[in-house]
Amino acid sequence: MRRIGPAMAPRKSVDPAELRGALQRVEAWVSGHSDEKPARADLAAAVRLSARTLEQIAPGSSVEVRVPPFVAVQCIEGPRHTRGTPPNVVETDPRTWLRLVVGREMFDDAVGAGGVDASGARAGEIAHWLPLLRL
C-alpha cells in the first residue's frame, strides 16, 4: 500500500471568497484598465487559486495546465499520465490565464492568437470549464 507523504497530501479546497478577492486585486491589470503589473504575491495568488479551482471542479489527470512561473495542475478525467511530457498540455502566461478565468477572453480565441499553447487531443476540453468566475 502506498503512503501519502507531505508532498502528496491532498490540497486544501479553494475558498470561493478567497479566489474572488485574489482576482479582484488583479482585475484592473487583467482587464487592461491598468498597465501596472500587480504585486507578485497578488498575481501568484490569483493564478494559483484559479488553477487549483479548475483542478477541483474538473478532477483528473489527463490534461496538464501550466502557468509559469506560478503553477501546474492536472485536471480532466481520463488516462493518467505519470512520466515525461504529458500528451495533453495547456500552457499560457499569467495575464492570458486570468483573462480566461474571468471570461475576458475565450479559449479558442486565445489559442488562435497564440496566447495559449494547447497540445494534445484533449487539451481543448478545459474550455468547457472556463470562465471560472466572472467579475
N, C-alpha and C. Protein backbone atom coordinates (compact mmCIF):
# COMPACT_ATOMS: atom_id res chain seq x y z
N MET A 1 0.84 -1.18 0.00
CA MET A 1 0.00 0.00 0.00
C MET A 1 0.89 1.24 0.00
N ARG A 2 0.61 2.17 -0.87
CA ARG A 2 1.38 3.39 -0.97
C ARG A 2 0.90 4.40 0.06
N ARG A 3 1.85 5.04 0.74
CA ARG A 3 1.51 6.06 1.74
C ARG A 3 1.57 7.44 1.10
N ILE A 4 0.72 8.29 1.55
CA ILE A 4 0.73 9.66 1.08
C ILE A 4 1.59 10.47 2.03
N GLY A 5 2.67 11.01 1.50
CA GLY A 5 3.57 11.84 2.30
C GLY A 5 3.17 13.29 2.18
N PRO A 6 3.92 14.19 2.82
CA PRO A 6 3.57 15.60 2.80
C PRO A 6 3.49 16.19 1.39
N ALA A 7 4.35 15.77 0.48
CA ALA A 7 4.33 16.32 -0.87
C ALA A 7 3.14 15.82 -1.67
N MET A 8 2.54 14.72 -1.25
CA MET A 8 1.44 14.14 -1.99
C MET A 8 0.10 14.34 -1.29
N ALA A 9 0.08 15.03 -0.18
CA ALA A 9 -1.16 15.24 0.55
C ALA A 9 -2.15 16.02 -0.31
N PRO A 10 -3.42 15.68 -0.20
CA PRO A 10 -4.42 16.40 -0.97
C PRO A 10 -4.40 17.88 -0.62
N ARG A 11 -4.63 18.70 -1.62
CA ARG A 11 -4.65 20.14 -1.39
C ARG A 11 -5.94 20.54 -0.69
N LYS A 12 -5.83 21.58 0.10
CA LYS A 12 -7.00 22.15 0.75
C LYS A 12 -7.91 22.75 -0.32
N SER A 13 -9.20 22.62 -0.14
CA SER A 13 -10.15 23.19 -1.09
C SER A 13 -9.99 24.71 -1.15
N VAL A 14 -10.16 25.24 -2.34
CA VAL A 14 -10.07 26.69 -2.52
C VAL A 14 -11.38 27.31 -2.05
N ASP A 15 -11.26 28.32 -1.21
CA ASP A 15 -12.41 29.07 -0.73
C ASP A 15 -12.83 30.03 -1.84
N PRO A 16 -14.07 29.95 -2.33
CA PRO A 16 -14.51 30.83 -3.42
C PRO A 16 -14.34 32.32 -3.09
N ALA A 17 -14.54 32.70 -1.84
CA ALA A 17 -14.36 34.10 -1.45
C ALA A 17 -12.89 34.51 -1.56
N GLU A 18 -11.99 33.60 -1.22
CA GLU A 18 -10.57 33.88 -1.35
C GLU A 18 -10.18 34.03 -2.82
N LEU A 19 -10.73 33.17 -3.67
CA LEU A 19 -10.47 33.27 -5.11
C LEU A 19 -11.00 34.60 -5.64
N ARG A 20 -12.22 34.97 -5.31
CA ARG A 20 -12.81 36.22 -5.77
C ARG A 20 -11.95 37.41 -5.33
N GLY A 21 -11.52 37.41 -4.08
CA GLY A 21 -10.69 38.50 -3.57
C GLY A 21 -9.37 38.59 -4.32
N ALA A 22 -8.74 37.45 -4.57
CA ALA A 22 -7.47 37.43 -5.30
C ALA A 22 -7.64 37.96 -6.71
N LEU A 23 -8.73 37.57 -7.36
CA LEU A 23 -8.99 38.04 -8.72
C LEU A 23 -9.32 39.54 -8.74
N GLN A 24 -10.03 40.00 -7.75
CA GLN A 24 -10.35 41.43 -7.70
C GLN A 24 -9.10 42.29 -7.54
N ARG A 25 -8.10 41.78 -6.82
CA ARG A 25 -6.87 42.55 -6.61
C ARG A 25 -6.07 42.72 -7.90
N VAL A 26 -6.29 41.86 -8.88
CA VAL A 26 -5.54 41.97 -10.14
C VAL A 26 -6.43 42.35 -11.33
N GLU A 27 -7.69 42.61 -11.06
CA GLU A 27 -8.67 42.83 -12.11
C GLU A 27 -8.32 43.98 -13.06
N ALA A 28 -7.84 45.10 -12.55
CA ALA A 28 -7.53 46.25 -13.41
C ALA A 28 -6.46 45.88 -14.44
N TRP A 29 -5.46 45.13 -14.03
CA TRP A 29 -4.38 44.72 -14.93
C TRP A 29 -4.89 43.67 -15.93
N VAL A 30 -5.68 42.73 -15.44
CA VAL A 30 -6.21 41.67 -16.30
C VAL A 30 -7.13 42.24 -17.36
N SER A 31 -7.95 43.21 -16.99
CA SER A 31 -8.91 43.78 -17.93
C SER A 31 -8.28 44.81 -18.86
N GLY A 32 -7.03 45.21 -18.59
CA GLY A 32 -6.36 46.18 -19.44
C GLY A 32 -6.60 47.62 -19.03
N HIS A 33 -7.26 47.84 -17.88
CA HIS A 33 -7.50 49.20 -17.39
C HIS A 33 -6.27 49.80 -16.73
N SER A 34 -5.26 48.97 -16.49
CA SER A 34 -4.01 49.44 -15.90
C SER A 34 -2.86 48.67 -16.53
N ASP A 35 -1.79 49.39 -16.85
CA ASP A 35 -0.60 48.73 -17.37
C ASP A 35 0.34 48.33 -16.24
N GLU A 36 0.04 48.79 -15.03
CA GLU A 36 0.89 48.48 -13.89
C GLU A 36 0.64 47.04 -13.44
N LYS A 37 1.69 46.23 -13.54
CA LYS A 37 1.58 44.82 -13.16
C LYS A 37 1.35 44.73 -11.65
N PRO A 38 0.45 43.85 -11.23
CA PRO A 38 0.18 43.71 -9.80
C PRO A 38 1.41 43.20 -9.04
N ALA A 39 1.37 43.35 -7.74
CA ALA A 39 2.43 42.81 -6.89
C ALA A 39 2.54 41.31 -7.16
N ARG A 40 3.75 40.80 -7.15
CA ARG A 40 3.98 39.39 -7.45
C ARG A 40 3.13 38.47 -6.57
N ALA A 41 3.02 38.79 -5.29
CA ALA A 41 2.24 37.95 -4.37
C ALA A 41 0.77 37.91 -4.78
N ASP A 42 0.22 39.07 -5.19
CA ASP A 42 -1.18 39.11 -5.61
C ASP A 42 -1.39 38.33 -6.91
N LEU A 43 -0.47 38.50 -7.84
CA LEU A 43 -0.56 37.79 -9.11
C LEU A 43 -0.44 36.28 -8.89
N ALA A 44 0.52 35.88 -8.07
CA ALA A 44 0.71 34.46 -7.78
C ALA A 44 -0.53 33.86 -7.12
N ALA A 45 -1.12 34.58 -6.19
CA ALA A 45 -2.31 34.08 -5.51
C ALA A 45 -3.46 33.89 -6.49
N ALA A 46 -3.69 34.87 -7.35
CA ALA A 46 -4.79 34.78 -8.31
C ALA A 46 -4.58 33.60 -9.27
N VAL A 47 -3.37 33.44 -9.76
CA VAL A 47 -3.08 32.34 -10.70
C VAL A 47 -3.20 31.00 -10.00
N ARG A 48 -2.59 30.86 -8.85
CA ARG A 48 -2.61 29.55 -8.14
C ARG A 48 -4.00 29.17 -7.69
N LEU A 49 -4.72 30.10 -7.09
CA LEU A 49 -6.07 29.77 -6.62
C LEU A 49 -7.00 29.42 -7.77
N SER A 50 -6.88 30.12 -8.89
CA SER A 50 -7.75 29.82 -10.02
C SER A 50 -7.41 28.47 -10.65
N ALA A 51 -6.12 28.18 -10.80
CA ALA A 51 -5.73 26.89 -11.36
C ALA A 51 -6.14 25.74 -10.44
N ARG A 52 -6.00 25.95 -9.16
CA ARG A 52 -6.39 24.89 -8.21
C ARG A 52 -7.90 24.74 -8.15
N THR A 53 -8.64 25.80 -8.43
CA THR A 53 -10.09 25.69 -8.53
C THR A 53 -10.45 24.83 -9.73
N LEU A 54 -9.79 25.06 -10.86
CA LEU A 54 -10.02 24.21 -12.04
C LEU A 54 -9.71 22.76 -11.70
N GLU A 55 -8.63 22.53 -11.01
CA GLU A 55 -8.23 21.18 -10.60
C GLU A 55 -9.32 20.53 -9.75
N GLN A 56 -9.98 21.31 -8.90
CA GLN A 56 -11.04 20.79 -8.03
C GLN A 56 -12.33 20.50 -8.78
N ILE A 57 -12.73 21.41 -9.68
CA ILE A 57 -14.03 21.23 -10.33
C ILE A 57 -13.97 20.28 -11.52
N ALA A 58 -12.76 20.05 -12.05
CA ALA A 58 -12.58 19.13 -13.17
C ALA A 58 -11.47 18.14 -12.80
N PRO A 59 -11.72 17.31 -11.77
CA PRO A 59 -10.66 16.42 -11.29
C PRO A 59 -10.25 15.40 -12.35
N GLY A 60 -8.99 15.02 -12.28
CA GLY A 60 -8.46 14.03 -13.19
C GLY A 60 -7.00 14.32 -13.49
N SER A 61 -6.46 13.57 -14.43
CA SER A 61 -5.03 13.70 -14.73
C SER A 61 -4.73 13.65 -16.21
N SER A 62 -5.71 13.88 -17.06
CA SER A 62 -5.43 13.72 -18.48
C SER A 62 -4.94 14.99 -19.17
N VAL A 63 -5.13 16.17 -18.54
CA VAL A 63 -4.66 17.43 -19.12
C VAL A 63 -3.85 18.17 -18.06
N GLU A 64 -2.67 18.63 -18.46
CA GLU A 64 -1.87 19.43 -17.54
C GLU A 64 -1.97 20.89 -17.96
N VAL A 65 -2.31 21.76 -17.02
CA VAL A 65 -2.41 23.19 -17.26
C VAL A 65 -1.21 23.84 -16.57
N ARG A 66 -0.42 24.57 -17.37
CA ARG A 66 0.79 25.22 -16.86
C ARG A 66 0.68 26.73 -17.02
N VAL A 67 0.95 27.44 -15.94
CA VAL A 67 1.00 28.90 -15.97
C VAL A 67 2.31 29.30 -15.28
N PRO A 68 3.41 29.22 -16.04
CA PRO A 68 4.70 29.53 -15.43
C PRO A 68 4.81 31.02 -15.10
N PRO A 69 5.48 31.37 -14.04
CA PRO A 69 6.26 30.52 -13.15
C PRO A 69 5.49 30.08 -11.92
N PHE A 70 4.17 30.19 -11.95
CA PHE A 70 3.40 30.04 -10.72
C PHE A 70 2.81 28.66 -10.42
N VAL A 71 2.33 27.95 -11.44
CA VAL A 71 1.59 26.73 -11.12
C VAL A 71 1.50 25.79 -12.32
N ALA A 72 1.36 24.53 -12.01
CA ALA A 72 0.99 23.50 -12.99
C ALA A 72 0.04 22.55 -12.26
N VAL A 73 -1.10 22.28 -12.86
CA VAL A 73 -2.07 21.37 -12.27
C VAL A 73 -2.53 20.37 -13.31
N GLN A 74 -3.02 19.25 -12.84
CA GLN A 74 -3.61 18.26 -13.73
C GLN A 74 -5.11 18.23 -13.48
N CYS A 75 -5.86 18.06 -14.55
CA CYS A 75 -7.31 18.06 -14.45
C CYS A 75 -7.91 17.21 -15.57
N ILE A 76 -9.17 17.12 -15.62
CA ILE A 76 -9.98 16.41 -16.62
C ILE A 76 -9.81 14.89 -16.47
N GLU A 77 -10.92 14.23 -16.26
CA GLU A 77 -10.90 12.77 -16.14
C GLU A 77 -10.39 12.12 -17.41
N GLY A 78 -9.73 11.00 -17.23
CA GLY A 78 -9.20 10.26 -18.37
C GLY A 78 -7.93 9.55 -17.99
N PRO A 79 -7.19 9.08 -18.99
CA PRO A 79 -5.96 8.35 -18.71
C PRO A 79 -4.99 9.19 -17.90
N ARG A 80 -4.39 8.57 -16.91
CA ARG A 80 -3.43 9.25 -16.04
C ARG A 80 -2.06 9.23 -16.69
N HIS A 81 -1.40 10.37 -16.61
CA HIS A 81 -0.04 10.49 -17.15
C HIS A 81 0.93 10.54 -15.97
N THR A 82 2.02 9.76 -16.03
CA THR A 82 2.93 9.73 -14.89
C THR A 82 4.38 10.07 -15.20
N ARG A 83 4.84 9.94 -16.44
CA ARG A 83 6.26 10.19 -16.73
C ARG A 83 6.44 10.95 -18.03
N GLY A 84 7.48 11.79 -18.06
CA GLY A 84 7.79 12.51 -19.28
C GLY A 84 6.81 13.64 -19.57
N THR A 85 6.80 14.11 -20.78
CA THR A 85 5.90 15.19 -21.18
C THR A 85 4.49 14.64 -21.34
N PRO A 86 3.52 15.26 -20.68
CA PRO A 86 2.14 14.79 -20.80
C PRO A 86 1.64 14.93 -22.24
N PRO A 87 0.74 14.06 -22.66
CA PRO A 87 0.22 14.13 -24.03
C PRO A 87 -0.74 15.30 -24.26
N ASN A 88 -1.33 15.84 -23.22
CA ASN A 88 -2.29 16.94 -23.32
C ASN A 88 -1.86 18.06 -22.39
N VAL A 89 -1.39 19.15 -22.99
CA VAL A 89 -0.84 20.26 -22.20
C VAL A 89 -1.45 21.58 -22.67
N VAL A 90 -1.80 22.41 -21.71
CA VAL A 90 -2.23 23.78 -21.97
C VAL A 90 -1.25 24.67 -21.21
N GLU A 91 -0.57 25.56 -21.93
CA GLU A 91 0.38 26.45 -21.28
C GLU A 91 0.13 27.88 -21.73
N THR A 92 0.17 28.79 -20.78
CA THR A 92 -0.06 30.20 -21.08
C THR A 92 0.60 31.08 -20.03
N ASP A 93 0.62 32.35 -20.30
CA ASP A 93 1.19 33.32 -19.36
C ASP A 93 0.12 33.71 -18.33
N PRO A 94 0.53 34.31 -17.21
CA PRO A 94 -0.43 34.65 -16.16
C PRO A 94 -1.57 35.56 -16.61
N ARG A 95 -1.29 36.58 -17.40
CA ARG A 95 -2.36 37.51 -17.80
C ARG A 95 -3.40 36.81 -18.68
N THR A 96 -2.93 36.04 -19.65
CA THR A 96 -3.88 35.33 -20.51
C THR A 96 -4.70 34.34 -19.71
N TRP A 97 -4.04 33.61 -18.80
CA TRP A 97 -4.76 32.64 -17.95
C TRP A 97 -5.87 33.35 -17.18
N LEU A 98 -5.53 34.46 -16.54
CA LEU A 98 -6.53 35.15 -15.74
C LEU A 98 -7.63 35.75 -16.60
N ARG A 99 -7.32 36.16 -17.82
CA ARG A 99 -8.36 36.64 -18.74
C ARG A 99 -9.33 35.51 -19.08
N LEU A 100 -8.81 34.29 -19.23
CA LEU A 100 -9.66 33.12 -19.47
C LEU A 100 -10.51 32.82 -18.24
N VAL A 101 -9.90 32.91 -17.08
CA VAL A 101 -10.56 32.59 -15.82
C VAL A 101 -11.76 33.48 -15.56
N VAL A 102 -11.64 34.78 -15.89
CA VAL A 102 -12.74 35.71 -15.60
C VAL A 102 -13.64 35.98 -16.81
N GLY A 103 -13.39 35.31 -17.92
CA GLY A 103 -14.26 35.43 -19.08
C GLY A 103 -13.97 36.63 -19.97
N ARG A 104 -12.81 37.25 -19.84
CA ARG A 104 -12.44 38.38 -20.70
C ARG A 104 -11.92 37.90 -22.05
N GLU A 105 -11.60 36.62 -22.14
CA GLU A 105 -11.10 36.04 -23.38
C GLU A 105 -11.62 34.60 -23.46
N MET A 106 -11.90 34.16 -24.68
CA MET A 106 -12.37 32.80 -24.89
C MET A 106 -11.18 31.90 -25.24
N PHE A 107 -11.25 30.66 -24.84
CA PHE A 107 -10.14 29.73 -25.02
C PHE A 107 -9.71 29.62 -26.48
N ASP A 108 -10.65 29.37 -27.37
CA ASP A 108 -10.30 29.20 -28.79
C ASP A 108 -9.67 30.46 -29.38
N ASP A 109 -10.15 31.62 -28.95
CA ASP A 109 -9.57 32.89 -29.42
C ASP A 109 -8.13 33.03 -28.93
N ALA A 110 -7.89 32.67 -27.66
CA ALA A 110 -6.54 32.77 -27.10
C ALA A 110 -5.59 31.81 -27.79
N VAL A 111 -6.07 30.62 -28.13
CA VAL A 111 -5.23 29.65 -28.86
C VAL A 111 -4.92 30.22 -30.25
N GLY A 112 -5.94 30.73 -30.93
CA GLY A 112 -5.77 31.28 -32.27
C GLY A 112 -4.82 32.46 -32.32
N ALA A 113 -4.82 33.27 -31.26
CA ALA A 113 -3.95 34.45 -31.19
C ALA A 113 -2.55 34.11 -30.71
N GLY A 114 -2.33 32.86 -30.32
CA GLY A 114 -1.00 32.45 -29.85
C GLY A 114 -0.74 32.69 -28.38
N GLY A 115 -1.75 33.13 -27.64
CA GLY A 115 -1.59 33.36 -26.20
C GLY A 115 -1.65 32.10 -25.37
N VAL A 116 -2.19 31.04 -25.96
CA VAL A 116 -2.28 29.74 -25.29
C VAL A 116 -1.70 28.70 -26.22
N ASP A 117 -0.80 27.89 -25.68
CA ASP A 117 -0.27 26.74 -26.42
C ASP A 117 -1.01 25.51 -25.92
N ALA A 118 -1.85 24.94 -26.77
CA ALA A 118 -2.64 23.76 -26.40
C ALA A 118 -2.22 22.61 -27.29
N SER A 119 -1.66 21.57 -26.67
CA SER A 119 -1.23 20.41 -27.46
C SER A 119 -1.91 19.16 -26.93
N GLY A 120 -2.24 18.29 -27.84
CA GLY A 120 -2.91 17.04 -27.48
C GLY A 120 -4.39 17.11 -27.79
N ALA A 121 -4.95 15.97 -28.08
CA ALA A 121 -6.35 15.88 -28.50
C ALA A 121 -7.33 16.34 -27.43
N ARG A 122 -6.95 16.26 -26.16
CA ARG A 122 -7.90 16.60 -25.09
C ARG A 122 -7.64 17.95 -24.45
N ALA A 123 -6.60 18.66 -24.88
CA ALA A 123 -6.24 19.94 -24.24
C ALA A 123 -7.39 20.94 -24.28
N GLY A 124 -8.10 20.99 -25.36
CA GLY A 124 -9.19 21.95 -25.50
C GLY A 124 -10.37 21.72 -24.58
N GLU A 125 -10.39 20.59 -23.90
CA GLU A 125 -11.51 20.29 -23.01
C GLU A 125 -11.59 21.24 -21.83
N ILE A 126 -10.50 21.93 -21.51
CA ILE A 126 -10.61 22.87 -20.38
C ILE A 126 -11.52 24.04 -20.73
N ALA A 127 -11.73 24.30 -22.01
CA ALA A 127 -12.62 25.40 -22.41
C ALA A 127 -14.01 25.22 -21.81
N HIS A 128 -14.42 23.98 -21.63
CA HIS A 128 -15.73 23.68 -21.05
C HIS A 128 -15.86 24.25 -19.63
N TRP A 129 -14.75 24.35 -18.92
CA TRP A 129 -14.75 24.74 -17.51
C TRP A 129 -14.48 26.24 -17.31
N LEU A 130 -14.23 26.96 -18.39
CA LEU A 130 -13.89 28.39 -18.29
C LEU A 130 -15.05 29.23 -18.81
N PRO A 131 -15.31 30.40 -18.29
CA PRO A 131 -14.62 31.03 -17.18
C PRO A 131 -14.99 30.39 -15.84
N LEU A 132 -14.11 30.55 -14.89
CA LEU A 132 -14.35 30.02 -13.54
C LEU A 132 -15.20 30.97 -12.71
N LEU A 133 -14.97 32.28 -12.92
CA LEU A 133 -15.66 33.28 -12.11
C LEU A 133 -15.70 34.60 -12.89
N ARG A 134 -16.86 35.11 -13.10
CA ARG A 134 -16.97 36.41 -13.77
C ARG A 134 -16.98 37.51 -12.71
N LEU A 135 -16.21 38.55 -12.97
CA LEU A 135 -16.16 39.67 -12.02
C LEU A 135 -17.05 40.80 -12.49
